[in-house]
Protein backbone atom coordinates (compact mmCIF):
# COMPACT_ATOMS: atom_id res chain seq x y z
CA MET A 1 0.09 36.49 20.37
CA GLN A 2 0.28 33.16 21.84
CA PHE A 3 0.23 30.28 19.20
CA THR A 4 0.77 26.46 18.93
CA LYS A 5 2.06 25.13 15.50
CA MET A 6 0.47 21.91 14.65
CA GLN A 7 1.01 19.26 11.75
CA GLY A 8 -1.00 16.70 10.26
CA LEU A 9 1.24 14.68 8.02
CA GLY A 10 3.46 17.54 7.47
CA ASN A 11 0.34 19.86 6.61
CA ASP A 12 1.27 22.56 9.29
CA TYR A 13 -0.76 25.56 10.38
CA VAL A 14 -0.38 28.09 13.13
CA TYR A 15 -3.01 27.53 15.72
CA VAL A 16 -4.74 29.96 18.02
CA ASP A 17 -7.16 29.50 20.90
CA CYS A 18 -9.78 32.39 20.43
CA THR A 19 -12.60 30.65 22.58
CA LYS A 20 -12.17 33.67 25.04
CA LYS A 21 -10.72 36.52 23.05
CA LYS A 22 -11.19 36.80 19.16
CA LEU A 23 -8.03 37.82 16.91
CA GLU A 24 -8.32 41.14 15.00
CA ASN A 25 -7.30 41.18 11.33
CA ALA A 26 -7.03 37.18 10.80
CA SER A 27 -6.38 37.47 7.21
CA GLU A 28 -3.12 39.66 7.56
CA VAL A 29 -2.14 37.63 10.34
CA ALA A 30 -2.24 34.54 8.29
CA VAL A 31 0.03 36.09 5.80
CA LYS A 32 2.51 37.35 8.37
CA VAL A 33 2.69 33.90 10.37
CA SER A 34 2.77 31.53 7.25
CA ASP A 35 5.91 33.11 5.84
CA ARG A 36 8.71 30.70 6.16
CA HIS A 37 11.38 33.22 6.29
CA PHE A 38 10.02 36.41 8.14
CA GLY A 39 7.46 34.47 10.18
CA ILE A 40 6.61 31.21 11.98
CA GLY A 41 6.25 29.36 8.68
CA SER A 42 3.00 27.63 7.95
CA ASP A 43 0.30 26.44 5.33
CA GLY A 44 -1.67 28.71 6.96
CA LEU A 45 -3.53 29.97 10.00
CA ILE A 46 -6.46 28.29 12.01
CA LEU A 47 -8.50 29.92 14.64
CA ILE A 48 -10.46 27.76 17.46
CA ASN A 49 -13.56 29.78 18.53
CA ALA A 50 -16.42 29.08 20.70
CA SER A 51 -19.44 27.87 18.58
CA SER A 52 -23.24 28.14 19.34
CA VAL A 53 -23.95 24.96 16.70
CA ALA A 54 -20.82 22.59 17.45
CA ASP A 55 -18.49 22.16 20.73
CA PHE A 56 -16.04 24.13 18.57
CA GLU A 57 -15.24 26.14 15.56
CA MET A 58 -12.75 25.95 13.09
CA GLU A 59 -11.81 29.24 11.55
CA MET A 60 -9.00 28.78 8.63
CA TYR A 61 -6.91 31.00 6.65
CA ASN A 62 -4.88 29.79 3.73
CA ALA A 63 -0.93 30.96 3.68
CA ASP A 64 -2.18 34.10 1.14
CA GLY A 65 -4.82 35.28 3.80
CA SER A 66 -7.75 33.85 1.64
CA ARG A 67 -10.32 32.09 4.17
CA GLY A 68 -10.54 28.26 3.48
CA GLU A 69 -13.97 26.48 4.14
CA MET A 70 -12.56 23.24 5.54
CA CYS A 71 -8.99 21.38 6.22
CA GLY A 72 -9.00 17.69 7.11
CA ASN A 73 -5.45 17.85 8.46
CA GLY A 74 -6.26 20.95 10.31
CA ILE A 75 -9.38 19.41 11.73
CA ARG A 76 -7.55 16.75 13.18
CA CYS A 77 -5.19 18.81 14.80
CA VAL A 78 -8.04 21.09 16.26
CA ALA A 79 -9.36 17.86 18.11
CA LYS A 80 -6.19 17.41 19.29
CA TYR A 81 -5.56 20.93 20.77
CA VAL A 82 -8.88 21.05 22.47
CA TYR A 83 -8.32 17.63 24.20
CA ASP A 84 -4.68 18.13 25.03
CA TYR A 85 -4.68 21.70 26.11
CA GLY A 86 -7.72 21.09 28.37
CA LEU A 87 -10.93 22.84 26.31
CA THR A 88 -12.64 19.68 26.62
CA ASP A 89 -12.21 16.13 28.26
CA GLN A 90 -14.75 14.71 25.59
CA THR A 91 -13.55 11.93 22.96
CA HIS A 92 -16.42 12.67 20.56
CA ILE A 93 -16.46 16.23 20.00
CA SER A 94 -18.06 18.70 17.00
CA VAL A 95 -16.50 21.27 15.23
CA GLU A 96 -18.09 24.04 13.09
CA THR A 97 -16.29 24.71 9.46
CA LEU A 98 -17.40 26.71 6.71
CA GLY A 99 -17.77 23.38 5.01
CA GLY A 100 -20.44 22.04 7.65
CA ILE A 101 -20.27 20.41 11.21
CA LYS A 102 -17.89 17.81 11.43
CA TYR A 103 -17.74 14.83 14.15
CA LEU A 104 -14.66 13.62 15.15
CA ASP A 105 -13.47 10.61 17.20
CA LEU A 106 -10.00 10.68 19.43
CA THR A 107 -7.81 7.73 20.24
CA VAL A 108 -6.34 8.91 23.59
CA LYS A 109 -3.27 7.10 24.98
CA GLU A 110 -1.33 8.66 28.10
CA GLY A 111 -3.46 11.37 28.17
CA ARG A 112 -2.71 12.67 24.64
CA VAL A 113 -4.60 12.51 21.43
CA ARG A 114 -2.61 9.94 19.02
CA GLN A 115 -4.93 9.56 16.17
CA VAL A 116 -8.57 11.14 15.09
CA ARG A 117 -11.14 9.66 13.01
CA VAL A 118 -13.36 12.06 11.09
CA ASP A 119 -16.74 12.18 9.63
CA MET A 120 -16.36 14.35 6.68
CA GLY A 121 -19.62 13.83 5.80
CA ARG A 122 -21.49 13.48 2.27
CA PRO A 123 -19.10 14.08 -0.78
CA MET A 124 -20.70 16.52 -3.18
CA LEU A 125 -20.66 15.64 -6.65
CA CYS A 126 -23.25 17.91 -8.18
CA PRO A 127 -21.22 20.71 -10.39
CA THR A 128 -22.75 23.66 -8.59
CA GLU A 129 -22.34 22.54 -5.00
CA ILE A 130 -18.36 21.90 -5.66
CA PRO A 131 -18.51 24.41 -7.59
CA VAL A 132 -17.42 23.83 -11.19
CA ILE A 133 -18.90 24.82 -14.41
CA ALA A 134 -19.99 21.77 -16.29
CA ASN A 135 -23.06 20.21 -17.72
CA GLY A 136 -24.58 17.36 -16.34
CA GLU A 137 -25.15 15.84 -12.54
CA SER A 138 -21.60 14.93 -11.68
CA VAL A 139 -18.17 15.99 -13.10
CA ILE A 140 -16.58 12.31 -13.53
CA ASP A 141 -13.74 11.50 -16.00
CA MET A 142 -14.67 14.39 -18.04
CA PRO A 143 -12.00 16.05 -20.33
CA ILE A 144 -10.60 19.43 -19.20
CA GLU A 145 -8.04 21.45 -21.34
CA VAL A 146 -5.13 23.02 -19.37
CA ASP A 147 -2.55 24.80 -20.92
CA GLY A 148 -2.98 23.55 -24.16
CA THR A 149 -3.16 19.72 -22.95
CA GLU A 150 -6.15 17.63 -22.23
CA TYR A 151 -6.61 16.11 -18.57
CA ARG A 152 -9.50 14.04 -17.30
CA MET A 153 -10.78 15.23 -14.24
CA THR A 154 -13.12 13.92 -11.49
CA ALA A 155 -14.79 16.74 -9.24
CA VAL A 156 -15.66 16.32 -5.66
CA GLY A 157 -16.46 18.80 -3.10
CA MET A 158 -15.43 18.16 0.32
CA GLY A 159 -16.92 21.39 1.93
CA ASN A 160 -13.80 22.92 -0.32
CA PRO A 161 -13.53 22.31 -4.14
CA HIS A 162 -11.43 19.43 -5.36
CA THR A 163 -10.43 18.36 -8.75
CA VAL A 164 -8.80 14.84 -9.20
CA VAL A 165 -6.68 13.87 -12.21
CA PHE A 166 -4.97 10.26 -12.82
CA VAL A 167 -1.50 10.43 -13.80
CA GLU A 168 1.27 7.88 -14.77
CA ASP A 169 4.04 9.47 -13.13
CA VAL A 170 2.99 11.47 -9.82
CA ASP A 171 6.62 11.74 -8.59
CA GLY A 172 7.99 13.60 -12.08
CA LEU A 173 5.21 15.90 -12.08
CA GLU A 174 6.08 19.40 -12.75
CA ILE A 175 3.32 20.63 -9.82
CA GLU A 176 4.93 24.09 -9.81
CA GLN A 177 3.92 24.51 -13.35
CA ILE A 178 0.73 22.75 -13.96
CA GLY A 179 -0.96 23.21 -10.23
CA PRO A 180 -1.62 27.24 -10.81
CA LYS A 181 -3.10 26.69 -14.06
CA PHE A 182 -5.64 24.22 -12.46
CA GLU A 183 -6.25 26.55 -9.55
CA HIS A 184 -7.02 29.57 -11.63
CA HIS A 185 -8.89 27.60 -14.54
CA PRO A 186 -12.15 29.22 -15.31
CA CYS A 187 -14.24 26.63 -14.99
CA PHE A 188 -13.65 26.80 -11.01
CA PRO A 189 -15.40 30.01 -9.96
CA ASN A 190 -13.95 29.66 -6.53
CA ARG A 191 -10.49 28.25 -7.61
CA VAL A 192 -9.83 24.80 -6.88
CA ASN A 193 -7.49 22.12 -5.10
CA THR A 194 -5.92 19.59 -7.63
CA GLU A 195 -4.72 16.09 -6.77
CA PHE A 196 -2.66 14.52 -9.22
CA VAL A 197 -2.91 10.79 -8.54
CA LYS A 198 -1.34 7.11 -9.61
CA VAL A 199 -3.32 3.99 -8.37
CA LEU A 200 -1.18 1.53 -7.07
CA ASP A 201 -3.64 -1.50 -6.48
CA ARG A 202 -7.45 -1.70 -5.28
CA ASN A 203 -6.53 -0.76 -2.14
CA THR A 204 -3.39 1.76 -2.43
CA VAL A 205 -3.12 5.21 -4.31
CA LYS A 206 -0.25 7.94 -3.99
CA MET A 207 -1.04 11.47 -4.79
CA ARG A 208 0.13 15.10 -4.70
CA VAL A 209 -1.66 18.16 -4.20
CA TRP A 210 -1.51 21.69 -5.16
CA GLU A 211 -3.96 23.64 -2.62
CA ARG A 212 -5.34 26.81 -3.72
CA GLY A 213 -3.95 29.69 -1.67
CA SER A 214 -0.70 27.57 -0.40
CA GLY A 215 0.93 25.71 -3.43
CA GLU A 216 1.91 22.36 -3.09
CA THR A 217 1.69 21.10 0.32
CA LEU A 218 2.94 17.57 2.33
CA ALA A 219 -0.64 16.42 2.72
CA CYS A 220 -4.32 17.51 2.09
CA GLY A 221 -7.05 15.69 4.35
CA THR A 222 -10.02 16.83 2.35
CA GLY A 223 -7.83 16.39 -0.83
CA ALA A 224 -7.32 12.69 0.09
CA CYS A 225 -11.20 12.17 0.60
CA ALA A 226 -11.91 13.50 -2.69
CA VAL A 227 -9.10 11.33 -4.10
CA ALA A 228 -10.53 8.22 -2.38
CA VAL A 229 -14.25 9.33 -4.03
CA ALA A 230 -12.89 9.61 -7.54
CA CYS A 231 -11.20 6.63 -7.12
CA ILE A 232 -14.43 4.88 -6.34
CA LEU A 233 -16.78 6.58 -8.73
CA ASN A 234 -14.02 5.50 -11.68
CA GLY A 235 -14.05 2.03 -10.60
CA LEU A 236 -10.43 1.60 -9.42
CA THR A 237 -10.20 0.94 -5.75
CA GLU A 238 -12.40 -0.71 -3.21
CA ASN A 239 -14.23 1.62 -1.03
CA LYS A 240 -11.50 1.64 1.62
CA VAL A 241 -8.13 3.04 0.39
CA THR A 242 -4.94 3.94 1.94
CA VAL A 243 -3.97 7.35 0.24
CA GLN A 244 -0.21 7.91 0.34
CA LEU A 245 0.64 11.63 0.48
CA LEU A 246 4.09 13.19 0.78
CA GLY A 247 3.90 13.55 4.42
CA GLY A 248 2.84 10.13 5.18
CA ASP A 249 -0.55 8.03 4.96
CA LEU A 250 -4.19 8.65 5.51
CA LEU A 251 -6.88 5.65 5.72
CA ILE A 252 -10.09 6.72 3.73
CA GLU A 253 -13.47 5.17 3.62
CA TRP A 254 -16.38 5.92 1.57
CA ASN A 255 -19.58 4.46 3.49
CA ARG A 256 -21.69 4.64 0.12
CA GLU A 257 -24.88 3.30 1.98
CA ALA A 258 -24.93 6.29 4.72
CA ASP A 259 -23.17 8.13 2.26
CA LYS A 260 -20.39 9.53 4.17
CA VAL A 261 -16.78 9.50 3.79
CA TYR A 262 -14.36 9.03 7.18
CA MET A 263 -10.89 9.92 7.43
CA THR A 264 -8.19 8.50 9.88
CA GLY A 265 -4.98 9.85 10.31
CA PRO A 266 -2.21 11.53 13.04
CA ALA A 267 -2.04 15.13 14.28
CA GLU A 268 1.26 16.31 16.14
CA VAL A 269 2.05 19.23 18.19
CA VAL A 270 5.44 20.90 16.84
CA PHE A 271 5.71 23.49 19.06
CA ASP A 272 4.06 26.45 21.41
CA GLY A 273 5.27 30.35 21.34
CA GLU A 274 4.64 33.38 21.24
CA VAL A 275 4.91 36.14 18.20
CA GLU A 276 4.78 39.55 17.99
CA LEU A 277 2.35 41.27 15.64
């Protein structure tokens, strides 16, 4: 299998061009290639497919083989791949995902995509849309008991489910212990991605993320969007926020009049290769 390993802020995936030929057993392949000791090493597998409703389709699998609806860092890399590898010459493209069709603007320098701005669409706040088991029209600063401790969560859907928890010490957080407890908490029927956040000022926040099916990752684009929305809903930041992740920064803007979230950040090729399946 020919592949390209790419990363957005250290959130790395194995990418395969399937526009002409489908890949069989993608879930099993995702587990194999994601292994950092016996495989290529990645947070998952992303297939780039032809689409009847958009320019391309992004088919995403987590490192454990489970299907993911959407990946913010991953979709920026899809944009870079299709342009840099000659699948399109357009700098405004649409990509079909399980989380809906996303629209991307590519910044090109010297024939290569350097930065991508993604229209991530409407943040979902209704519990049944996210989904999260809760009463009311939204879940904002709501108590949740995890492993005997009460936290306050704000739940946001960005094509996939997120819960945002504000903490005083994000660096010293034992995320390997608490992350899985949130991921598998009974109030999240499809499991959940959890962002632990410290607000630095009205325009800057710092986060770490526990992604369902992958564990802690260096960055999560949809998670950064959920964090910005949660910060704004709780009155902690302005509508444009720099989100600091372990792998770097993303600029997130929630245009509340249009009810759209925009994410801007980099995408990089690590290497091309071939793997025996």
